[in-house]
Amino acid sequence: MPTTKTLREGSTRKRAAILSAARELFLADGFDRSSVDAVAARAEVSKRTVYDYFGDKRNLLRAVVDAVGQSLVTTVRRTLDDTLAGVTEAGELEDALVAFALRIATDMLGSAEYATLQRLVRTESGHLPPQDYNPMADTPDEAIAERFAAFAEAGLLDAPDPRLAADQFLALTFGVALDRLGSANAAQDARVRPLVIEGVRTFLRAYRDDWGRGGTIRRGR
């Protein structure tokens, strides 16, 4: 079927049903063995509706992967709000950052959504866009950077480049675990937790002027 035509936005319910059906079939049978007919039957829509909404099976696979990625981005933003939104004092920062990082390392990296994303990207990479394709893009990093910018404005962090601070936070926490253990999933590997905690402390030694010296936090810069 051609993919250059204008696709229909259509019914939110039908779109969600198609994505759910395609996800189940791609995971169970693989992309090549999953037909559009089977997706349509499972979603209880016509084959024409699948093509009208998604164009072809490759576009449908990408839509499934993008939807899972967006769900994970939502989890990151919700976790940021739950753990960091109420921080107003420097003394609260370590515990809050540890709580955030460990929630990501368990609730997100140990979730079915994350496992689904990893599996689809790994097994169906030949049917997805080129290697630089990232269904989560830079959105989680940017969300963390926004929070660090707010902390810097309040004087809780010394972070003139919040995006660099976010990148280094991720490298010191999840990056170290990935390099050393091959996974940052704290739900499956107890060794992840101490690495994440030490990563947070190392980050704060670099980005908080008062860390370990009893100094005064600069506010309202």
Protein backbone atom coordinates (compact mmCIF):
# COMPACT_ATOMS: atom_id res chain seq x y z
CA MET A 1 0.00 0.00 0.00
CA PRO A 2 1.32 3.50 -0.69
CA THR A 3 2.65 5.49 2.26
CA THR A 4 2.67 8.96 0.70
CA LYS A 5 -1.07 9.59 1.02
CA THR A 6 -2.50 11.67 3.83
CA LEU A 7 -3.26 9.43 6.78
CA ARG A 8 -6.41 9.74 8.83
CA GLU A 9 -6.25 10.71 12.48
CA GLY A 10 -9.55 8.91 12.93
CA SER A 11 -11.05 7.59 16.13
CA THR A 12 -8.80 7.63 19.19
CA ARG A 13 -10.37 4.38 20.35
CA LYS A 14 -9.76 2.61 17.04
CA ARG A 15 -6.21 3.94 16.82
CA ALA A 16 -5.45 2.67 20.31
CA ALA A 17 -7.00 -0.72 19.50
CA ILE A 18 -4.88 -1.06 16.37
CA LEU A 19 -1.69 -0.13 18.20
CA SER A 20 -2.47 -2.57 21.01
CA ALA A 21 -3.22 -5.39 18.58
CA ALA A 22 -0.10 -4.71 16.51
CA ARG A 23 2.07 -4.59 19.60
CA GLU A 24 0.76 -7.95 20.82
CA LEU A 25 1.27 -9.59 17.43
CA PHE A 26 4.72 -8.10 16.79
CA LEU A 27 5.87 -9.36 20.19
CA ALA A 28 4.28 -12.78 19.84
CA ASP A 29 4.93 -13.57 16.18
CA GLY A 30 7.45 -11.00 14.96
CA PHE A 31 7.01 -8.32 12.32
CA ASP A 32 7.36 -10.54 9.26
CA ARG A 33 4.82 -13.11 10.40
CA SER A 34 2.27 -10.56 11.61
CA SER A 35 -0.16 -9.63 8.85
CA VAL A 36 -2.26 -6.50 8.58
CA ASP A 37 -5.27 -8.83 8.32
CA ALA A 38 -4.41 -10.32 11.72
CA VAL A 39 -3.92 -6.87 13.25
CA ALA A 40 -7.28 -5.72 11.89
CA ALA A 41 -9.05 -8.84 13.15
CA ARG A 42 -7.59 -8.51 16.64
CA ALA A 43 -8.40 -4.79 16.78
CA GLU A 44 -11.92 -5.47 15.44
CA VAL A 45 -11.55 -2.94 12.63
CA SER A 46 -11.36 -3.31 8.87
CA LYS A 47 -8.08 -3.84 7.05
CA ARG A 48 -8.81 -0.59 5.20
CA THR A 49 -8.96 1.26 8.52
CA VAL A 50 -5.49 0.03 9.46
CA TYR A 51 -4.10 1.29 6.14
CA ASP A 52 -6.01 4.57 6.38
CA TYR A 53 -4.64 5.26 9.87
CA PHE A 54 -1.05 4.03 9.46
CA GLY A 55 -0.28 3.68 5.75
CA ASP A 56 1.57 0.36 5.85
CA LYS A 57 2.96 -2.24 8.25
CA ARG A 58 6.33 -0.51 8.68
CA ASN A 59 4.65 2.73 9.68
CA LEU A 60 2.50 0.73 12.07
CA LEU A 61 5.60 -0.80 13.70
CA ARG A 62 7.15 2.62 14.11
CA ALA A 63 3.91 3.95 15.59
CA VAL A 64 3.92 1.10 18.12
CA VAL A 65 7.53 1.82 19.10
CA ASP A 66 6.87 5.57 19.28
CA ALA A 67 3.83 4.98 21.50
CA VAL A 68 5.85 2.86 23.92
CA GLY A 69 8.61 5.47 23.93
CA GLN A 70 6.12 8.22 24.70
CA SER A 71 4.68 6.17 27.54
CA LEU A 72 8.16 5.89 29.05
CA VAL A 73 8.75 9.63 28.64
CA THR A 74 5.50 10.21 30.54
CA THR A 75 6.81 7.95 33.31
CA VAL A 76 10.03 9.98 33.54
CA ARG A 77 8.13 13.26 33.79
CA ARG A 78 5.73 11.86 36.39
CA THR A 79 8.65 10.53 38.44
CA LEU A 80 10.39 13.91 38.26
CA ASP A 81 7.25 15.56 39.60
CA ASP A 82 6.79 12.95 42.33
CA THR A 83 10.36 13.08 43.63
CA LEU A 84 11.83 16.49 42.80
CA ALA A 85 9.00 19.02 42.48
CA GLY A 86 8.81 19.75 46.19
CA VAL A 87 12.55 20.21 46.81
CA THR A 88 13.29 23.69 48.15
CA GLU A 89 16.29 23.15 50.44
CA ALA A 90 19.82 22.00 49.65
CA GLY A 91 19.64 19.38 52.37
CA GLU A 92 16.77 17.64 50.59
CA LEU A 93 18.54 17.31 47.27
CA GLU A 94 20.54 14.11 47.76
CA ASP A 95 17.61 12.06 49.02
CA ALA A 96 15.35 13.41 46.28
CA LEU A 97 17.81 12.68 43.47
CA VAL A 98 18.44 9.19 44.84
CA ALA A 99 14.69 8.59 45.03
CA PHE A 100 14.25 9.78 41.44
CA ALA A 101 17.11 7.68 40.08
CA LEU A 102 16.04 4.54 41.92
CA ARG A 103 12.42 4.94 40.82
CA ILE A 104 13.63 5.09 37.22
CA ALA A 105 15.94 2.12 37.80
CA THR A 106 13.07 0.01 39.16
CA ASP A 107 9.67 1.29 38.05
CA MET A 108 10.70 2.24 34.52
CA LEU A 109 13.69 0.06 33.62
CA GLY A 110 11.96 -2.91 35.22
CA SER A 111 8.65 -2.27 33.50
CA ALA A 112 6.92 -4.24 30.76
CA GLU A 113 6.90 -1.06 28.66
CA TYR A 114 10.68 -0.77 28.75
CA ALA A 115 11.13 -4.48 28.04
CA THR A 116 8.77 -4.11 25.07
CA LEU A 117 10.71 -1.17 23.69
CA GLN A 118 14.05 -2.93 24.05
CA ARG A 119 12.76 -6.09 22.42
CA LEU A 120 11.10 -4.38 19.46
CA VAL A 121 14.09 -2.14 18.76
CA ARG A 122 16.46 -5.10 19.03
CA THR A 123 14.52 -7.70 17.05
CA GLU A 124 12.89 -5.48 14.44
CA SER A 125 15.67 -2.96 13.81
CA GLY A 126 15.72 -3.88 10.12
CA HIS A 127 12.17 -2.64 9.75
CA LEU A 128 12.68 0.60 11.67
CA PRO A 129 14.34 3.85 10.49
CA PRO A 130 18.17 4.14 10.41
CA GLN A 131 20.33 3.45 13.45
CA ASP A 132 20.11 7.01 14.76
CA TYR A 133 16.35 6.59 15.27
CA ASN A 134 15.44 7.00 18.94
CA PRO A 135 11.75 6.69 19.92
CA MET A 136 12.37 8.63 23.13
CA ALA A 137 14.57 11.23 21.39
CA ASP A 138 16.14 13.60 23.93
CA THR A 139 12.91 14.22 25.82
CA PRO A 140 13.88 12.55 29.16
CA ASP A 141 17.24 14.35 29.16
CA GLU A 142 15.53 17.67 28.44
CA ALA A 143 12.98 17.09 31.19
CA ILE A 144 15.76 16.47 33.72
CA ALA A 145 17.63 19.53 32.40
CA GLU A 146 14.53 21.67 32.98
CA ARG A 147 14.40 20.53 36.60
CA PHE A 148 18.12 21.18 37.08
CA ALA A 149 17.70 24.65 35.57
CA ALA A 150 15.07 25.38 38.21
CA PHE A 151 17.41 24.12 40.93
CA ALA A 152 20.19 26.33 39.56
CA GLU A 153 17.88 29.34 39.55
CA ALA A 154 17.04 28.64 43.19
CA GLY A 155 20.72 28.26 44.05
CA LEU A 156 20.43 24.55 44.89
CA LEU A 157 22.81 23.55 42.09
CA ASP A 158 25.71 25.32 40.42
CA ALA A 159 24.75 24.29 36.87
CA PRO A 160 25.32 26.99 34.24
CA ASP A 161 24.60 24.38 31.54
CA PRO A 162 21.61 22.37 32.83
CA ARG A 163 21.54 20.04 29.81
CA LEU A 164 25.20 19.12 30.36
CA ALA A 165 24.41 18.58 34.03
CA ALA A 166 21.54 16.26 33.04
CA ASP A 167 23.78 14.31 30.67
CA GLN A 168 26.42 13.91 33.36
CA PHE A 169 23.84 12.90 35.96
CA LEU A 170 22.61 10.13 33.66
CA ALA A 171 26.17 9.04 32.87
CA LEU A 172 27.16 8.88 36.54
CA THR A 173 24.10 6.92 37.57
CA PHE A 174 22.67 4.73 34.82
CA GLY A 175 25.70 4.95 32.54
CA VAL A 176 28.05 3.47 35.12
CA ALA A 177 25.63 0.63 35.85
CA LEU A 178 25.22 -0.11 32.13
CA ASP A 179 28.98 -0.12 31.53
CA ARG A 180 29.78 -2.29 34.53
CA LEU A 181 26.78 -4.60 34.72
CA GLY A 182 25.24 -4.41 31.25
CA SER A 183 21.96 -3.26 32.82
CA ALA A 184 20.66 -0.46 35.01
CA ASN A 185 17.57 -2.40 36.08
CA ALA A 186 17.64 -2.30 39.88
CA ALA A 187 14.59 -4.56 40.05
CA GLN A 188 16.65 -7.43 38.63
CA ASP A 189 20.14 -6.69 39.95
CA ALA A 190 20.80 -5.51 43.51
CA ARG A 191 24.23 -4.25 42.46
CA VAL A 192 22.62 -1.36 40.57
CA ARG A 193 21.37 0.44 43.68
CA PRO A 194 24.74 1.28 45.31
CA LEU A 195 26.13 2.39 41.94
CA VAL A 196 23.19 4.74 41.41
CA ILE A 197 23.50 6.18 44.93
CA GLU A 198 27.23 6.79 44.56
CA GLY A 199 26.58 8.33 41.15
CA VAL A 200 24.19 10.84 42.72
CA ARG A 201 26.76 11.72 45.37
CA THR A 202 29.49 12.17 42.78
CA PHE A 203 27.17 14.42 40.77
CA LEU A 204 26.47 16.59 43.81
CA ARG A 205 30.17 16.89 44.62
CA ALA A 206 30.58 18.45 41.18
CA TYR A 207 27.42 20.56 41.06
CA ARG A 208 26.88 21.79 44.62
CA ASP A 209 29.32 24.33 46.00
CA ASP A 210 28.41 23.53 49.59
CA TRP A 211 28.88 19.77 49.24
CA GLY A 212 30.93 18.47 52.15
CA ARG A 213 32.23 21.92 53.08
CA GLY A 214 29.42 23.43 55.11
CA GLY A 215 29.26 26.43 52.81
CA THR A 216 26.32 28.66 52.02
CA ILE A 217 24.10 28.03 49.03
CA ARG A 218 23.98 30.94 46.62
CA ARG A 219 20.35 31.90 45.96
CA GLY A 220 18.63 33.98 43.33
CA ARG A 221 21.50 34.08 40.83
